Amino acid sequence: MGNVSTEHTGTGDPVRTLELLWGVPDRPRRGPKPKLTVPEIVVRAVEIADAEGLEALSIRRIAEALGVAPMSIYTYVPGKAELVDLMVDHAYGELRPPSGGDWRARLEHVARDNLRLYRRHPWLLHVATIRPAMGPNMLDKYEYELAAVEGLGLTDLEMDSVVTLVNGFTQSAARVWDEAAQAERRTGMSDREWWEKAGPALARLVDTDRYPLGSRVGTAAGQAHEGAVGPEHAFEFGLARVLDGVEMLIQARPGSG
């Protein structure tokens, strides 16, 4: 997989996009009964992005996979911009709300479920959602994520900020995981194999007296991760620290003790 350009949600026709997200049918047309449905097109688009990456996705590629003419796809979806919004919302439909537990367990579930989603669909990491695809699955996701911190004494703005913090951290951790996987695919060399070659060469070429801390700590981390980074450790360590920070915020609220 080469360099991947970033797609952006919310760049298409906002009215038509929302109508498609919420299942508003198009105006009736004369002629033969449509051969496809919008959900069928979205599912095939997600399959292509999963298998080949977002850069392989095009209306022509989807039409080819469905065995129809490219122009026929445009009778269902205005263009790729609207399609990306539909794909993101479709993927969010795989997420499940937390079931029971305290606020920390609920936020842990949110983070882990989102991480699994990114690992199943790495192309999501290359879709900027500053203008979110406000479909039913996205709004369901936001609703139960907010419910995870409801009733803790936080303001509405703080609740939104906590959810944004947890999701942002998880996306960042998933990106490290994806970059590590891409490095292995590009080089045909695992992190452990890379470290076994790079470690001795580094020890031979670098004066450890000049970098005493970097040498000591870097060696310890490299041995623990069997590479320069450890995506799983970074996620577990970082998530715990993020939730520790949220706990401090909650404890600072009047009546929390």
Protein backbone atom coordinates (compact mmCIF):
# COMPACT_ATOMS: atom_id res chain seq x y z
CA MET A 1 0.00 0.00 0.00
CA GLY A 2 1.47 3.31 -1.05
CA ASN A 3 0.79 6.82 0.11
CA VAL A 4 -2.89 7.25 0.87
CA SER A 5 -4.60 10.57 0.33
CA THR A 6 -7.06 11.67 2.97
CA GLU A 7 -10.77 11.70 2.20
CA HIS A 8 -13.08 14.07 4.06
CA THR A 9 -16.62 13.48 5.21
CA GLY A 10 -19.10 16.29 4.69
CA THR A 11 -17.69 17.46 1.35
CA GLY A 12 -20.60 16.38 -0.81
CA ASP A 13 -24.12 17.76 -1.11
CA PRO A 14 -25.11 17.92 2.59
CA VAL A 15 -28.85 17.65 1.98
CA ARG A 16 -28.64 14.67 -0.36
CA THR A 17 -26.03 13.02 1.86
CA LEU A 18 -28.31 13.27 4.89
CA GLU A 19 -31.24 11.94 2.85
CA LEU A 20 -29.14 8.94 1.81
CA LEU A 21 -27.86 8.37 5.35
CA TRP A 22 -31.38 8.37 6.74
CA GLY A 23 -32.89 6.32 3.93
CA VAL A 24 -35.00 8.99 2.26
CA PRO A 25 -35.93 7.53 -1.15
CA ASP A 26 -35.14 9.36 -4.33
CA ARG A 27 -37.95 10.73 -6.46
CA PRO A 28 -39.77 8.00 -8.43
CA ARG A 29 -38.45 7.59 -11.94
CA ARG A 30 -39.96 6.11 -15.05
CA GLY A 31 -38.35 3.07 -16.56
CA PRO A 32 -37.27 -0.38 -15.38
CA LYS A 33 -37.02 -1.28 -11.73
CA PRO A 34 -33.59 -0.38 -10.26
CA LYS A 35 -31.13 -3.28 -10.23
CA LEU A 36 -29.25 -2.13 -7.13
CA THR A 37 -29.85 -0.49 -3.77
CA VAL A 38 -27.75 2.11 -1.99
CA PRO A 39 -26.89 -0.32 0.87
CA GLU A 40 -25.60 -2.86 -1.69
CA ILE A 41 -23.34 -0.23 -3.22
CA VAL A 42 -22.06 0.84 0.19
CA VAL A 43 -21.30 -2.74 1.27
CA ARG A 44 -19.33 -3.40 -1.93
CA ALA A 45 -17.45 -0.10 -1.52
CA VAL A 46 -16.45 -1.08 2.03
CA GLU A 47 -15.29 -4.50 0.80
CA ILE A 48 -13.07 -2.85 -1.83
CA ALA A 49 -11.62 -0.38 0.69
CA ASP A 50 -10.96 -3.21 3.17
CA ALA A 51 -9.17 -5.34 0.59
CA GLU A 52 -7.39 -2.74 -1.54
CA GLY A 53 -7.30 0.47 0.46
CA LEU A 54 -9.18 3.72 0.11
CA GLU A 55 -6.95 4.80 -2.77
CA ALA A 56 -8.39 1.98 -4.91
CA LEU A 57 -11.95 3.14 -4.37
CA SER A 58 -13.67 4.82 -7.29
CA ILE A 59 -17.12 4.82 -8.85
CA ARG A 60 -15.66 2.92 -11.80
CA ARG A 61 -14.11 0.27 -9.52
CA ILE A 62 -17.40 -0.20 -7.65
CA ALA A 63 -19.35 -0.47 -10.90
CA GLU A 64 -16.89 -3.07 -12.15
CA ALA A 65 -17.30 -5.12 -8.97
CA LEU A 66 -21.10 -4.94 -9.25
CA GLY A 67 -21.15 -5.70 -12.98
CA VAL A 68 -22.84 -2.47 -14.02
CA ALA A 69 -21.94 0.60 -16.03
CA PRO A 70 -20.24 3.37 -14.01
CA MET A 71 -22.91 5.91 -14.92
CA SER A 72 -25.59 3.72 -13.36
CA ILE A 73 -23.96 4.13 -9.92
CA TYR A 74 -24.61 7.87 -10.12
CA THR A 75 -28.35 7.22 -10.23
CA TYR A 76 -28.05 5.96 -6.65
CA VAL A 77 -25.19 8.03 -5.17
CA PRO A 78 -24.22 11.52 -6.43
CA GLY A 79 -20.48 10.84 -6.15
CA LYS A 80 -17.57 9.56 -4.11
CA ALA A 81 -17.88 12.31 -1.49
CA GLU A 82 -21.37 11.22 -0.49
CA LEU A 83 -20.36 7.56 -0.73
CA VAL A 84 -17.53 8.02 1.80
CA ASP A 85 -20.04 9.44 4.29
CA LEU A 86 -22.26 6.40 3.78
CA MET A 87 -19.29 4.04 4.21
CA VAL A 88 -18.23 5.65 7.49
CA ASP A 89 -21.73 5.46 8.93
CA HIS A 90 -22.07 1.86 7.76
CA ALA A 91 -18.83 0.94 9.55
CA TYR A 92 -20.01 2.63 12.75
CA GLY A 93 -22.96 0.25 12.70
CA GLU A 94 -20.58 -2.55 13.75
CA LEU A 95 -19.95 -0.86 17.12
CA ARG A 96 -21.86 -1.95 20.17
CA PRO A 97 -22.73 0.10 23.29
CA PRO A 98 -21.21 -0.78 26.65
CA SER A 99 -23.24 -3.16 28.79
CA GLY A 100 -22.94 -2.45 32.50
CA GLY A 101 -19.92 -1.55 34.56
CA ASP A 102 -18.81 1.79 35.99
CA TRP A 103 -17.82 4.79 33.90
CA ARG A 104 -14.24 3.58 33.53
CA ALA A 105 -15.31 0.15 32.26
CA ARG A 106 -17.74 1.82 29.86
CA LEU A 107 -15.08 4.13 28.42
CA GLU A 108 -12.65 1.21 28.15
CA HIS A 109 -15.26 -0.64 26.11
CA VAL A 110 -15.70 2.40 23.86
CA ALA A 111 -11.94 2.64 23.25
CA ARG A 112 -11.42 -1.08 22.63
CA ASP A 113 -14.46 -1.39 20.37
CA ASN A 114 -13.30 1.58 18.29
CA LEU A 115 -9.78 0.15 18.10
CA ARG A 116 -11.14 -3.15 16.79
CA LEU A 117 -13.17 -1.24 14.20
CA TYR A 118 -10.09 0.63 12.96
CA ARG A 119 -8.15 -2.63 12.73
CA ARG A 120 -10.94 -4.26 10.70
CA HIS A 121 -11.27 -1.20 8.45
CA PRO A 122 -7.90 0.63 8.35
CA TRP A 123 -9.20 2.95 5.64
CA LEU A 124 -11.22 4.73 8.34
CA LEU A 125 -7.90 6.17 9.56
CA HIS A 126 -7.64 8.04 6.26
CA VAL A 127 -11.04 9.71 6.47
CA ALA A 128 -11.12 13.09 8.21
CA THR A 129 -14.42 13.57 10.05
CA ILE A 130 -14.27 17.24 11.04
CA ARG A 131 -17.65 17.55 9.33
CA PRO A 132 -19.09 14.24 10.54
CA ALA A 133 -21.35 11.93 8.59
CA MET A 134 -24.41 12.48 10.77
CA GLY A 135 -26.17 9.25 9.99
CA PRO A 136 -28.08 7.00 12.38
CA ASN A 137 -25.08 4.86 13.32
CA MET A 138 -22.86 7.86 13.97
CA LEU A 139 -25.51 9.46 16.20
CA ASP A 140 -26.11 6.15 18.01
CA LYS A 141 -22.36 5.97 18.65
CA TYR A 142 -22.25 9.50 20.03
CA GLU A 143 -25.31 8.88 22.20
CA TYR A 144 -23.99 5.80 24.00
CA GLU A 145 -20.49 7.26 24.33
CA LEU A 146 -21.98 10.27 26.10
CA ALA A 147 -24.11 7.94 28.24
CA ALA A 148 -20.86 6.37 29.50
CA VAL A 149 -20.09 9.61 31.40
CA GLU A 150 -23.62 10.78 32.16
CA GLY A 151 -24.47 11.52 35.81
CA LEU A 152 -20.87 12.03 36.97
CA GLY A 153 -21.15 15.75 37.64
CA LEU A 154 -19.46 16.78 34.38
CA THR A 155 -20.80 19.65 32.35
CA ASP A 156 -22.17 18.96 28.88
CA LEU A 157 -19.04 20.47 27.33
CA GLU A 158 -16.83 18.29 29.55
CA MET A 159 -18.81 15.19 28.58
CA ASP A 160 -18.28 15.96 24.90
CA SER A 161 -14.59 16.69 25.53
CA VAL A 162 -14.05 13.39 27.38
CA VAL A 163 -15.62 11.43 24.52
CA THR A 164 -13.51 13.38 22.00
CA LEU A 165 -10.36 12.71 24.05
CA VAL A 166 -10.95 8.95 24.28
CA ASN A 167 -11.83 8.66 20.58
CA GLY A 168 -8.87 10.80 19.55
CA PHE A 169 -6.45 8.74 21.61
CA THR A 170 -7.86 5.50 20.19
CA GLN A 171 -7.58 6.75 16.62
CA SER A 172 -3.96 7.76 17.23
CA ALA A 173 -3.15 4.36 18.73
CA ALA A 174 -4.83 2.59 15.81
CA ARG A 175 -2.76 4.66 13.37
CA VAL A 176 0.47 3.46 15.03
CA TRP A 177 -0.78 -0.13 14.73
CA ASP A 178 -1.61 0.39 11.05
CA GLU A 179 1.75 2.02 10.30
CA ALA A 180 3.55 -0.92 11.92
CA ALA A 181 1.55 -3.36 9.78
CA GLN A 182 2.27 -1.34 6.64
CA ALA A 183 6.01 -1.31 7.42
CA GLU A 184 6.02 -5.10 7.64
CA ARG A 185 4.09 -5.44 4.38
CA ARG A 186 6.37 -3.02 2.53
CA THR A 187 9.64 -4.53 3.74
CA GLY A 188 8.71 -8.17 4.21
CA MET A 189 10.46 -7.93 7.56
CA SER A 190 8.84 -8.15 10.99
CA ASP A 191 9.67 -5.63 13.71
CA ARG A 192 11.63 -8.31 15.52
CA GLU A 193 13.69 -9.10 12.40
CA TRP A 194 14.28 -5.39 11.83
CA TRP A 195 15.41 -4.90 15.44
CA GLU A 196 17.72 -7.90 15.28
CA LYS A 197 19.52 -6.22 12.37
CA ALA A 198 19.31 -2.60 13.49
CA GLY A 199 20.12 -3.15 17.19
CA PRO A 200 23.67 -4.52 16.81
CA ALA A 201 24.52 -1.99 14.10
CA LEU A 202 23.31 0.86 16.31
CA ALA A 203 25.35 -0.42 19.25
CA ARG A 204 28.45 -0.55 17.05
CA LEU A 205 28.06 2.91 15.52
CA VAL A 206 26.68 5.04 18.36
CA ASP A 207 28.68 6.26 21.35
CA THR A 208 26.49 5.33 24.32
CA ASP A 209 28.34 7.81 26.55
CA ARG A 210 26.92 10.61 24.42
CA TYR A 211 23.36 9.32 24.75
CA PRO A 212 23.28 7.58 28.15
CA LEU A 213 19.55 7.92 28.73
CA GLY A 214 18.55 7.18 25.16
CA SER A 215 20.81 4.14 25.05
CA ARG A 216 19.55 2.71 28.33
CA VAL A 217 15.85 3.44 27.89
CA GLY A 218 15.80 2.78 24.16
CA THR A 219 17.43 -0.61 24.63
CA ALA A 220 14.92 -1.55 27.34
CA ALA A 221 11.98 -0.45 25.19
CA GLY A 222 13.37 -2.11 22.07
CA GLN A 223 13.84 -5.40 23.88
CA ALA A 224 10.35 -5.23 25.38
CA HIS A 225 8.66 -4.37 22.06
CA GLU A 226 11.04 -6.35 19.81
CA GLY A 227 11.10 -3.21 17.68
CA ALA A 228 11.09 0.56 17.87
CA VAL A 229 7.43 0.72 18.93
CA GLY A 230 4.96 -1.57 20.65
CA PRO A 231 1.42 -0.71 19.43
CA GLU A 232 -0.36 -2.91 21.97
CA HIS A 233 1.69 -1.61 24.91
CA ALA A 234 1.26 1.99 23.72
CA PHE A 235 -2.53 1.54 23.58
CA GLU A 236 -2.85 -0.14 26.98
CA PHE A 237 -0.49 2.29 28.73
CA GLY A 238 -2.00 5.35 27.08
CA LEU A 239 -5.62 4.35 27.67
CA ALA A 240 -4.95 3.83 31.37
CA ARG A 241 -3.34 7.28 31.64
CA VAL A 242 -6.20 8.94 29.72
CA LEU A 243 -8.75 7.36 32.05
CA ASP A 244 -6.67 8.36 35.07
CA GLY A 245 -6.94 11.94 33.87
CA VAL A 246 -10.70 11.65 33.43
CA GLU A 247 -10.91 10.26 36.98
CA MET A 248 -9.11 13.31 38.32
CA LEU A 249 -11.58 15.54 36.50
CA ILE A 250 -14.53 13.66 37.98
CA GLN A 251 -13.07 13.70 41.48
CA ALA A 252 -12.64 17.47 41.29
CA ARG A 253 -16.39 17.92 40.95
CA PRO A 254 -18.30 19.00 44.06
CA GLY A 255 -19.84 16.06 45.91
CA SER A 256 -17.78 13.46 44.04
CA GLY A 257 -16.21 12.16 47.24
